[in-house]
Amino acid sequence: MSQIRLTQVILTDWRRFRWPVLLLAACVFTALAVVQLSHSNRLLVNAQNQLYQQRDALDVEWRNLLLEQRALSEHSRVEDIASARLNMLRPSGEREVVVTLP
């Protein structure tokens, strides 16, 4: 039997089937890249949805704070607190003083 050199057989097969092996490796690499990009895209979409929910919650809180501010600053409420807590009264016509600026 003649001695077969394994490295020589591998090199001749590599030279013979070089392009199919390279194309197979490229296909595997692009398939893995597609999987990775799909996964990262899903993560980004989930993060975006969470940020939209947070924005909506902050918008609702802002509206509630505006309503509370309007309720607390109503003239009748301020007048009631001034008369009840501070014993303030609305000045009558003869006690009213008008200050003019020069």
PDB file of N, CA and C in Angstrom:
ATOM      1  N   MET A   1       0.813  -1.181   0.000  1.00  0.00           N
ATOM      2  CA  MET A   1       0.000   0.000   0.000  1.00  0.00           C
ATOM      3  C   MET A   1       0.855   1.243   0.000  1.00  0.00           C
ATOM      4  N   SER A   2       0.402   2.114  -0.771  1.00  0.00           N
ATOM      5  CA  SER A   2       1.132   3.374  -0.796  1.00  0.00           C
ATOM      6  C   SER A   2       0.628   4.255   0.335  1.00  0.00           C
ATOM      7  N   GLN A   3       1.501   5.001   0.833  1.00  0.00           N
ATOM      8  CA  GLN A   3       1.159   5.842   1.987  1.00  0.00           C
ATOM      9  C   GLN A   3       0.446   7.107   1.487  1.00  0.00           C
ATOM     10  N   ILE A   4      -0.729   7.359   2.035  1.00  0.00           N
ATOM     11  CA  ILE A   4      -1.525   8.544   1.652  1.00  0.00           C
ATOM     12  C   ILE A   4      -1.215   9.652   2.640  1.00  0.00           C
ATOM     13  N   ARG A   5      -0.879  10.760   2.105  1.00  0.00           N
ATOM     14  CA  ARG A   5      -0.606  11.908   2.956  1.00  0.00           C
ATOM     15  C   ARG A   5      -1.901  12.697   3.150  1.00  0.00           C
ATOM     16  N   LEU A   6      -2.351  12.742   4.380  1.00  0.00           N
ATOM     17  CA  LEU A   6      -3.628  13.377   4.706  1.00  0.00           C
ATOM     18  C   LEU A   6      -3.609  14.871   4.413  1.00  0.00           C
ATOM     19  N   THR A   7      -2.547  15.513   4.743  1.00  0.00           N
ATOM     20  CA  THR A   7      -2.491  16.958   4.493  1.00  0.00           C
ATOM     21  C   THR A   7      -2.539  17.270   3.011  1.00  0.00           C
ATOM     22  N   GLN A   8      -1.939  16.425   2.214  1.00  0.00           N
ATOM     23  CA  GLN A   8      -1.965  16.652   0.772  1.00  0.00           C
ATOM     24  C   GLN A   8      -3.381  16.463   0.234  1.00  0.00           C
ATOM     25  N   VAL A   9      -4.102  15.487   0.737  1.00  0.00           N
ATOM     26  CA  VAL A   9      -5.487  15.256   0.300  1.00  0.00           C
ATOM     27  C   VAL A   9      -6.377  16.423   0.721  1.00  0.00           C
ATOM     28  N   ILE A  10      -6.166  16.907   1.926  1.00  0.00           N
ATOM     29  CA  ILE A  10      -6.973  18.042   2.408  1.00  0.00           C
ATOM     30  C   ILE A  10      -6.702  19.283   1.565  1.00  0.00           C
ATOM     31  N   LEU A  11      -5.465  19.535   1.253  1.00  0.00           N
ATOM     32  CA  LEU A  11      -5.130  20.706   0.440  1.00  0.00           C
ATOM     33  C   LEU A  11      -5.685  20.604  -0.974  1.00  0.00           C
ATOM     34  N   THR A  12      -5.618  19.427  -1.553  1.00  0.00           N
ATOM     35  CA  THR A  12      -6.180  19.282  -2.902  1.00  0.00           C
ATOM     36  C   THR A  12      -7.698  19.424  -2.877  1.00  0.00           C
ATOM     37  N   ASP A  13      -8.343  18.871  -1.834  1.00  0.00           N
ATOM     38  CA  ASP A  13      -9.796  19.044  -1.715  1.00  0.00           C
ATOM     39  C   ASP A  13     -10.152  20.507  -1.455  1.00  0.00           C
ATOM     40  N   TRP A  14      -9.352  21.187  -0.681  1.00  0.00           N
ATOM     41  CA  TRP A  14      -9.606  22.607  -0.391  1.00  0.00           C
ATOM     42  C   TRP A  14      -9.499  23.434  -1.676  1.00  0.00           C
ATOM     43  N   ARG A  15      -8.483  23.158  -2.468  1.00  0.00           N
ATOM     44  CA  ARG A  15      -8.335  23.880  -3.736  1.00  0.00           C
ATOM     45  C   ARG A  15      -9.503  23.570  -4.678  1.00  0.00           C
ATOM     46  N   ARG A  16      -9.960  22.354  -4.622  1.00  0.00           N
ATOM     47  CA  ARG A  16     -11.023  21.927  -5.531  1.00  0.00           C
ATOM     48  C   ARG A  16     -12.396  22.486  -5.114  1.00  0.00           C
ATOM     49  N   PHE A  17     -12.671  22.496  -3.796  1.00  0.00           N
ATOM     50  CA  PHE A  17     -13.985  22.921  -3.291  1.00  0.00           C
ATOM     51  C   PHE A  17     -13.902  24.218  -2.491  1.00  0.00           C
ATOM     52  N   ARG A  18     -13.020  25.085  -2.872  1.00  0.00           N
ATOM     53  CA  ARG A  18     -12.815  26.321  -2.124  1.00  0.00           C
ATOM     54  C   ARG A  18     -14.056  27.213  -2.150  1.00  0.00           C
ATOM     55  N   TRP A  19     -14.609  27.492  -3.321  1.00  0.00           N
ATOM     56  CA  TRP A  19     -15.747  28.419  -3.420  1.00  0.00           C
ATOM     57  C   TRP A  19     -17.013  27.883  -2.743  1.00  0.00           C
ATOM     58  N   PRO A  20     -17.371  26.637  -2.911  1.00  0.00           N
ATOM     59  CA  PRO A  20     -18.561  26.160  -2.183  1.00  0.00           C
ATOM     60  C   PRO A  20     -18.415  26.252  -0.667  1.00  0.00           C
ATOM     61  N   VAL A  21     -17.228  25.975  -0.156  1.00  0.00           N
ATOM     62  CA  VAL A  21     -17.014  26.062   1.295  1.00  0.00           C
ATOM     63  C   VAL A  21     -17.090  27.515   1.753  1.00  0.00           C
ATOM     64  N   LEU A  22     -16.481  28.425   0.992  1.00  0.00           N
ATOM     65  CA  LEU A  22     -16.554  29.847   1.350  1.00  0.00           C
ATOM     66  C   LEU A  22     -17.987  30.376   1.281  1.00  0.00           C
ATOM     67  N   LEU A  23     -18.736  29.959   0.270  1.00  0.00           N
ATOM     68  CA  LEU A  23     -20.135  30.387   0.177  1.00  0.00           C
ATOM     69  C   LEU A  23     -20.982  29.817   1.308  1.00  0.00           C
ATOM     70  N   LEU A  24     -20.718  28.589   1.698  1.00  0.00           N
ATOM     71  CA  LEU A  24     -21.434  27.996   2.833  1.00  0.00           C
ATOM     72  C   LEU A  24     -21.123  28.764   4.122  1.00  0.00           C
ATOM     73  N   ALA A  25     -19.853  29.089   4.319  1.00  0.00           N
ATOM     74  CA  ALA A  25     -19.477  29.862   5.513  1.00  0.00           C
ATOM     75  C   ALA A  25     -20.125  31.235   5.490  1.00  0.00           C
ATOM     76  N   ALA A  26     -20.193  31.870   4.316  1.00  0.00           N
ATOM     77  CA  ALA A  26     -20.844  33.183   4.207  1.00  0.00           C
ATOM     78  C   ALA A  26     -22.332  33.080   4.513  1.00  0.00           C
ATOM     79  N   CYS A  27     -22.980  32.010   4.046  1.00  0.00           N
ATOM     80  CA  CYS A  27     -24.415  31.823   4.321  1.00  0.00           C
ATOM     81  C   CYS A  27     -24.658  31.625   5.817  1.00  0.00           C
ATOM     82  N   VAL A  28     -23.819  30.837   6.456  1.00  0.00           N
ATOM     83  CA  VAL A  28     -23.965  30.606   7.900  1.00  0.00           C
ATOM     84  C   VAL A  28     -23.746  31.915   8.658  1.00  0.00           C
ATOM     85  N   PHE A  29     -22.724  32.661   8.269  1.00  0.00           N
ATOM     86  CA  PHE A  29     -22.442  33.932   8.932  1.00  0.00           C
ATOM     87  C   PHE A  29     -23.598  34.915   8.775  1.00  0.00           C
ATOM     88  N   THR A  30     -24.150  35.045   7.551  1.00  0.00           N
ATOM     89  CA  THR A  30     -25.266  35.978   7.358  1.00  0.00           C
ATOM     90  C   THR A  30     -26.513  35.514   8.091  1.00  0.00           C
ATOM     91  N   ALA A  31     -26.732  34.198   8.181  1.00  0.00           N
ATOM     92  CA  ALA A  31     -27.894  33.701   8.931  1.00  0.00           C
ATOM     93  C   ALA A  31     -27.765  34.052  10.409  1.00  0.00           C
ATOM     94  N   LEU A  32     -26.569  33.895  10.969  1.00  0.00           N
ATOM     95  CA  LEU A  32     -26.356  34.270  12.371  1.00  0.00           C
ATOM     96  C   LEU A  32     -26.509  35.776  12.569  1.00  0.00           C
ATOM     97  N   ALA A  33     -26.067  36.554  11.592  1.00  0.00           N
ATOM     98  CA  ALA A  33     -26.222  38.004  11.688  1.00  0.00           C
ATOM     99  C   ALA A  33     -27.691  38.398  11.655  1.00  0.00           C
ATOM    100  N   VAL A  34     -28.490  37.746  10.828  1.00  0.00           N
ATOM    101  CA  VAL A  34     -29.931  38.034  10.769  1.00  0.00           C
ATOM    102  C   VAL A  34     -30.592  37.711  12.099  1.00  0.00           C
ATOM    103  N   VAL A  35     -30.232  36.600  12.702  1.00  0.00           N
ATOM    104  CA  VAL A  35     -30.800  36.227  14.002  1.00  0.00           C
ATOM    105  C   VAL A  35     -30.433  37.257  15.062  1.00  0.00           C
ATOM    106  N   GLN A  36     -29.168  37.663  15.070  1.00  0.00           N
ATOM    107  CA  GLN A  36     -28.720  38.654  16.059  1.00  0.00           C
ATOM    108  C   GLN A  36     -29.427  39.989  15.864  1.00  0.00           C
ATOM    109  N   LEU A  37     -29.545  40.449  14.625  1.00  0.00           N
ATOM    110  CA  LEU A  37     -30.205  41.725  14.364  1.00  0.00           C
ATOM    111  C   LEU A  37     -31.703  41.664  14.679  1.00  0.00           C
ATOM    112  N   SER A  38     -32.334  40.536  14.417  1.00  0.00           N
ATOM    113  CA  SER A  38     -33.757  40.389  14.766  1.00  0.00           C
ATOM    114  C   SER A  38     -33.951  40.460  16.277  1.00  0.00           C
ATOM    115  N   HIS A  39     -33.073  39.816  17.001  1.00  0.00           N
ATOM    116  CA  HIS A  39     -33.168  39.834  18.463  1.00  0.00           C
ATOM    117  C   HIS A  39     -32.962  41.251  19.005  1.00  0.00           C
ATOM    118  N   SER A  40     -31.954  41.933  18.515  1.00  0.00           N
ATOM    119  CA  SER A  40     -31.712  43.305  19.009  1.00  0.00           C
ATOM    120  C   SER A  40     -32.845  44.226  18.591  1.00  0.00           C
ATOM    121  N   ASN A  41     -33.444  44.007  17.430  1.00  0.00           N
ATOM    122  CA  ASN A  41     -34.589  44.815  17.007  1.00  0.00           C
ATOM    123  C   ASN A  41     -35.774  44.604  17.943  1.00  0.00           C
ATOM    124  N   ARG A  42     -36.025  43.361  18.344  1.00  0.00           N
ATOM    125  CA  ARG A  42     -37.116  43.086  19.290  1.00  0.00           C
ATOM    126  C   ARG A  42     -36.861  43.764  20.631  1.00  0.00           C
ATOM    127  N   LEU A  43     -35.622  43.727  21.098  1.00  0.00           N
ATOM    128  CA  LEU A  43     -35.299  44.397  22.362  1.00  0.00           C
ATOM    129  C   LEU A  43     -35.525  45.895  22.268  1.00  0.00           C
ATOM    130  N   LEU A  44     -35.149  46.491  21.142  1.00  0.00           N
ATOM    131  CA  LEU A  44     -35.342  47.935  20.969  1.00  0.00           C
ATOM    132  C   LEU A  44     -36.819  48.303  20.876  1.00  0.00           C
ATOM    133  N   VAL A  45     -37.613  47.466  20.219  1.00  0.00           N
ATOM    134  CA  VAL A  45     -39.058  47.730  20.132  1.00  0.00           C
ATOM    135  C   VAL A  45     -39.689  47.644  21.516  1.00  0.00           C
ATOM    136  N   ASN A  46     -39.274  46.665  22.325  1.00  0.00           N
ATOM    137  CA  ASN A  46     -39.793  46.558  23.689  1.00  0.00           C
ATOM    138  C   ASN A  46     -39.412  47.776  24.525  1.00  0.00           C
ATOM    139  N   ALA A  47     -38.178  48.231  24.388  1.00  0.00           N
ATOM    140  CA  ALA A  47     -37.742  49.421  25.127  1.00  0.00           C
ATOM    141  C   ALA A  47     -38.525  50.643  24.676  1.00  0.00           C
ATOM    142  N   GLN A  48     -38.784  50.753  23.388  1.00  0.00           N
ATOM    143  CA  GLN A  48     -39.561  51.880  22.872  1.00  0.00           C
ATOM    144  C   GLN A  48     -40.985  51.851  23.426  1.00  0.00           C
ATOM    145  N   ASN A  49     -41.591  50.678  23.489  1.00  0.00           N
ATOM    146  CA  ASN A  49     -42.946  50.568  24.031  1.00  0.00           C
ATOM    147  C   ASN A  49     -42.973  50.957  25.511  1.00  0.00           C
ATOM    148  N   GLN A  50     -41.964  50.553  26.261  1.00  0.00           N
ATOM    149  CA  GLN A  50     -41.907  50.940  27.671  1.00  0.00           C
ATOM    150  C   GLN A  50     -41.759  52.454  27.817  1.00  0.00           C
ATOM    151  N   LEU A  51     -40.972  53.066  26.956  1.00  0.00           N
ATOM    152  CA  LEU A  51     -40.821  54.521  27.008  1.00  0.00           C
ATOM    153  C   LEU A  51     -42.117  55.231  26.631  1.00  0.00           C
ATOM    154  N   TYR A  52     -42.865  54.671  25.655  1.00  0.00           N
ATOM    155  CA  TYR A  52     -44.166  55.248  25.326  1.00  0.00           C
ATOM    156  C   TYR A  52     -45.126  55.161  26.515  1.00  0.00           C
ATOM    157  N   GLN A  53     -45.118  54.031  27.210  1.00  0.00           N
ATOM    158  CA  GLN A  53     -45.986  53.890  28.381  1.00  0.00           C
ATOM    159  C   GLN A  53     -45.581  54.876  29.477  1.00  0.00           C
ATOM    160  N   GLN A  54     -44.286  55.044  29.668  1.00  0.00           N
ATOM    161  CA  GLN A  54     -43.806  55.996  30.673  1.00  0.00           C
ATOM    162  C   GLN A  54     -44.195  57.421  30.285  1.00  0.00           C
ATOM    163  N   ARG A  55     -44.088  57.741  28.998  1.00  0.00           N
ATOM    164  CA  ARG A  55     -44.497  59.069  28.536  1.00  0.00           C
ATOM    165  C   ARG A  55     -45.983  59.306  28.779  1.00  0.00           C
ATOM    166  N   ASP A  56     -46.798  58.300  28.498  1.00  0.00           N
ATOM    167  CA  ASP A  56     -48.234  58.434  28.706  1.00  0.00           C
ATOM    168  C   ASP A  56     -48.564  58.613  30.186  1.00  0.00           C
ATOM    169  N   ALA A  57     -47.875  57.864  31.046  1.00  0.00           N
ATOM    170  CA  ALA A  57     -48.107  58.003  32.485  1.00  0.00           C
ATOM    171  C   ALA A  57     -47.699  59.393  32.972  1.00  0.00           C
ATOM    172  N   LEU A  58     -46.581  59.895  32.474  1.00  0.00           N
ATOM    173  CA  LEU A  58     -46.155  61.243  32.860  1.00  0.00           C
ATOM    174  C   LEU A  58     -47.115  62.309  32.330  1.00  0.00           C
ATOM    175  N   ASP A  59     -47.671  62.077  31.153  1.00  0.00           N
ATOM    176  CA  ASP A  59     -48.642  63.018  30.595  1.00  0.00           C
ATOM    177  C   ASP A  59     -49.905  63.060  31.442  1.00  0.00           C
ATOM    178  N   VAL A  60     -50.371  61.893  31.898  1.00  0.00           N
ATOM    179  CA  VAL A  60     -51.551  61.846  32.768  1.00  0.00           C
ATOM    180  C   VAL A  60     -51.256  62.545  34.092  1.00  0.00           C
ATOM    181  N   GLU A  61     -50.077  62.298  34.653  1.00  0.00           N
ATOM    182  CA  GLU A  61     -49.710  62.952  35.911  1.00  0.00           C
ATOM    183  C   GLU A  61     -49.628  64.464  35.738  1.00  0.00           C
ATOM    184  N   TRP A  62     -49.085  64.921  34.616  1.00  0.00           N
ATOM    185  CA  TRP A  62     -48.997  66.361  34.339  1.00  0.00           C
ATOM    186  C   TRP A  62     -50.391  66.977  34.259  1.00  0.00           C
ATOM    187  N   ARG A  63     -51.314  66.311  33.595  1.00  0.00           N
ATOM    188  CA  ARG A  63     -52.685  66.827  33.500  1.00  0.00           C
ATOM    189  C   ARG A  63     -53.338  66.895  34.871  1.00  0.00           C
ATOM    190  N   ASN A  64     -53.126  65.874  35.693  1.00  0.00           N
ATOM    191  CA  ASN A  64     -53.687  65.889  37.042  1.00  0.00           C
ATOM    192  C   ASN A  64     -53.092  67.022  37.874  1.00  0.00           C
ATOM    193  N   LEU A  65     -51.798  67.262  37.712  1.00  0.00           N
ATOM    194  CA  LEU A  65     -51.175  68.368  38.444  1.00  0.00           C
ATOM    195  C   LEU A  65     -51.702  69.721  37.983  1.00  0.00           C
ATOM    196  N   LEU A  66     -51.964  69.861  36.699  1.00  0.00           N
ATOM    197  CA  LEU A  66     -52.548  71.113  36.208  1.00  0.00           C
ATOM    198  C   LEU A  66     -53.951  71.330  36.778  1.00  0.00           C
ATOM    199  N   LEU A  67     -54.731  70.259  36.826  1.00  0.00           N
ATOM    200  CA  LEU A  67     -56.074  70.372  37.410  1.00  0.00           C
ATOM    201  C   LEU A  67     -55.991  70.738  38.894  1.00  0.00           C
ATOM    202  N   GLU A  68     -55.062  70.120  39.606  1.00  0.00           N
ATOM    203  CA  GLU A  68     -54.898  70.429  41.021  1.00  0.00           C
ATOM    204  C   GLU A  68     -54.452  71.869  41.220  1.00  0.00           C
ATOM    205  N   GLN A  69     -53.557  72.341  40.375  1.00  0.00           N
ATOM    206  CA  GLN A  69     -53.095  73.729  40.480  1.00  0.00           C
ATOM    207  C   GLN A  69     -54.247  74.699  40.227  1.00  0.00           C
ATOM    208  N   ARG A  70     -55.053  74.414  39.233  1.00  0.00           N
ATOM    209  CA  ARG A  70     -56.199  75.288  38.947  1.00  0.00           C
ATOM    210  C   ARG A  70     -57.198  75.279  40.099  1.00  0.00           C
ATOM    211  N   ALA A  71     -57.407  74.093  40.680  1.00  0.00           N
ATOM    212  CA  ALA A  71     -58.352  74.007  41.794  1.00  0.00           C
ATOM    213  C   ALA A  71     -57.835  74.762  43.015  1.00  0.00           C
ATOM    214  N   LEU A  72     -56.526  74.662  43.275  1.00  0.00           N
ATOM    215  CA  LEU A  72     -55.966  75.332  44.441  1.00  0.00           C
ATOM    216  C   LEU A  72     -55.855  76.841  44.264  1.00  0.00           C
ATOM    217  N   SER A  73     -55.810  77.309  43.041  1.00  0.00           N
ATOM    218  CA  SER A  73     -55.639  78.741  42.818  1.00  0.00           C
ATOM    219  C   SER A  73     -56.937  79.446  42.447  1.00  0.00           C
ATOM    220  N   GLU A  74     -58.078  78.796  42.619  1.00  0.00           N
ATOM    221  CA  GLU A  74     -59.348  79.457  42.335  1.00  0.00           C
ATOM    222  C   GLU A  74     -59.556  80.613  43.307  1.00  0.00           C
ATOM    223  N   HIS A  75     -60.150  81.684  42.805  1.00  0.00           N
ATOM    224  CA  HIS A  75     -60.318  82.903  43.582  1.00  0.00           C
ATOM    225  C   HIS A  75     -61.184  82.659  44.829  1.00  0.00           C
ATOM    226  N   SER A  76     -62.249  81.888  44.668  1.00  0.00           N
ATOM    227  CA  SER A  76     -63.142  81.652  45.804  1.00  0.00           C
ATOM    228  C   SER A  76     -62.431  80.868  46.912  1.00  0.00           C
ATOM    229  N   ARG A  77     -61.597  79.915  46.549  1.00  0.00           N
ATOM    230  CA  ARG A  77     -60.864  79.147  47.550  1.00  0.00           C
ATOM    231  C   ARG A  77     -59.872  80.028  48.280  1.00  0.00           C
ATOM    232  N   VAL A  78     -59.138  80.852  47.534  1.00  0.00           N
ATOM    233  CA  VAL A  78     -58.164  81.754  48.161  1.00  0.00           C
ATOM    234  C   VAL A  78     -58.883  82.729  49.091  1.00  0.00           C
ATOM    235  N   GLU A  79     -60.015  83.227  48.664  1.00  0.00           N
ATOM    236  CA  GLU A  79     -60.777  84.160  49.494  1.00  0.00           C
ATOM    237  C   GLU A  79     -61.300  83.473  50.762  1.00  0.00           C
ATOM    238  N   ASP A  80     -61.763  82.240  50.653  1.00  0.00           N
ATOM    239  CA  ASP A  80     -62.232  81.498  51.834  1.00  0.00           C
ATOM    240  C   ASP A  80     -61.098  81.253  52.821  1.00  0.00           C
ATOM    241  N   ILE A  81     -59.931  80.876  52.339  1.00  0.00           N
ATOM    242  CA  ILE A  81     -58.793  80.638  53.227  1.00  0.00           C
ATOM    243  C   ILE A  81     -58.348  81.938  53.880  1.00  0.00           C
ATOM    244  N   ALA A  82     -58.342  83.017  53.107  1.00  0.00           N
ATOM    245  CA  ALA A  82     -57.926  84.304  53.668  1.00  0.00           C
ATOM    246  C   ALA A  82     -58.876  84.765  54.763  1.00  0.00           C
ATOM    247  N   SER A  83     -60.151  84.558  54.596  1.00  0.00           N
ATOM    248  CA  SER A  83     -61.099  85.001  55.623  1.00  0.00           C
ATOM    249  C   SER A  83     -61.133  84.041  56.812  1.00  0.00           C
ATOM    250  N   ALA A  84     -60.997  82.732  56.570  1.00  0.00           N
ATOM    251  CA  ALA A  84     -61.101  81.759  57.666  1.00  0.00           C
ATOM    252  C   ALA A  84     -59.818  81.672  58.487  1.00  0.00           C
ATOM    253  N   ARG A  85     -58.704  81.568  57.874  1.00  0.00           N
ATOM    254  CA  ARG A  85     -57.460  81.347  58.596  1.00  0.00           C
ATOM    255  C   ARG A  85     -56.770  82.642  59.019  1.00  0.00           C
ATOM    256  N   LEU A  86     -56.856  83.632  58.166  1.00  0.00           N
ATOM    257  CA  LEU A  86     -56.104  84.867  58.427  1.00  0.00           C
ATOM    258  C   LEU A  86     -56.984  86.027  58.900  1.00  0.00           C
ATOM    259  N   ASN A  87     -58.282  85.792  59.022  1.00  0.00           N
ATOM    260  CA  ASN A  87     -59.237  86.823  59.442  1.00  0.00           C
ATOM    261  C   ASN A  87     -59.138  88.070  58.571  1.00  0.00           C
ATOM    262  N   MET A  88     -58.968  87.886  57.277  1.00  0.00           N
ATOM    263  CA  MET A  88     -58.891  89.011  56.346  1.00  0.00           C
ATOM    264  C   MET A  88     -60.278  89.285  55.796  1.00  0.00           C
ATOM    265  N   LEU A  89     -60.535  90.539  55.538  1.00  0.00           N
ATOM    266  CA  LEU A  89     -61.806  90.964  54.963  1.00  0.00           C
ATOM    267  C   LEU A  89     -61.539  91.795  53.726  1.00  0.00           C
ATOM    268  N   ARG A  90     -62.514  91.810  52.825  1.00  0.00           N
ATOM    269  CA  ARG A  90     -62.396  92.667  51.655  1.00  0.00           C
ATOM    270  C   ARG A  90     -62.607  94.109  52.112  1.00  0.00           C
ATOM    271  N   PRO A  91     -61.706  95.016  51.703  1.00  0.00           N
ATOM    272  CA  PRO A  91     -61.843  96.402  52.165  1.00  0.00           C
ATOM    273  C   PRO A  91     -63.077  97.065  51.553  1.00  0.00           C
ATOM    274  N   SER A  92     -63.673  97.912  52.345  1.00  0.00           N
ATOM    275  CA  SER A  92     -64.836  98.648  51.840  1.00  0.00           C
ATOM    276  C   SER A  92     -64.351  99.790  50.951  1.00  0.00           C
ATOM    277  N   GLY A  93     -65.275 100.482  50.360  1.00  0.00           N
ATOM    278  CA  GLY A  93     -64.922 101.543  49.416  1.00  0.00           C
ATOM    279  C   GLY A  93     -64.139 102.673  50.043  1.00  0.00           C
ATOM    280  N   GLU A  94     -64.509 103.082  51.288  1.00  0.00           N
ATOM    281  CA  GLU A  94     -63.807 104.209  51.917  1.00  0.00           C
ATOM    282  C   GLU A  94     -62.441 103.803  52.474  1.00  0.00           C
ATOM    283  N   ARG A  95     -62.236 102.506  52.702  1.00  0.00           N
ATOM    284  CA  ARG A  95     -60.933 102.056  53.232  1.00  0.00           C
ATOM    285  C   ARG A  95     -59.974 101.638  52.123  1.00  0.00           C
ATOM    286  N   GLU A  96     -60.426 101.671  50.909  1.00  0.00           N
ATOM    287  CA  GLU A  96     -59.592 101.232  49.801  1.00  0.00           C
ATOM    288  C   GLU A  96     -58.604 102.330  49.431  1.00  0.00           C
ATOM    289  N   VAL A  97     -57.349 101.947  49.231  1.00  0.00           N
ATOM    290  CA  VAL A  97     -56.305 102.901  48.899  1.00  0.00           C
ATOM    291  C   VAL A  97     -55.720 102.490  47.554  1.00  0.00           C
ATOM    292  N   VAL A  98     -55.636 103.436  46.630  1.00  0.00           N
ATOM    293  CA  VAL A  98     -55.083 103.179  45.322  1.00  0.00           C
ATOM    294  C   VAL A  98     -53.684 103.772  45.275  1.00  0.00           C
ATOM    295  N   VAL A  99     -52.719 102.992  44.915  1.00  0.00           N
ATOM    296  CA  VAL A  99     -51.339 103.438  44.845  1.00  0.00           C
ATOM    297  C   VAL A  99     -51.001 103.633  43.365  1.00  0.00           C
ATOM    298  N   THR A 100     -50.535 104.820  43.035  1.00  0.00           N
ATOM    299  CA  THR A 100     -50.119 105.085  41.658  1.00  0.00           C
ATOM    300  C   THR A 100     -48.606 105.149  41.589  1.00  0.00           C
ATOM    301  N   LEU A 101     -48.095 104.694  40.498  1.00  0.00           N
ATOM    302  CA  LEU A 101     -46.644 104.713  40.297  1.00  0.00           C
ATOM    303  C   LEU A 101     -46.278 105.962  39.487  1.00  0.00           C
ATOM    304  N   PRO A 102     -45.156 106.597  39.843  1.00  0.00           N
ATOM    305  CA  PRO A 102     -44.773 107.812  39.081  1.00  0.00           C
ATOM    306  C   PRO A 102     -44.309 107.508  37.699  1.00  0.00           C
TER     307      PRO A 102
END
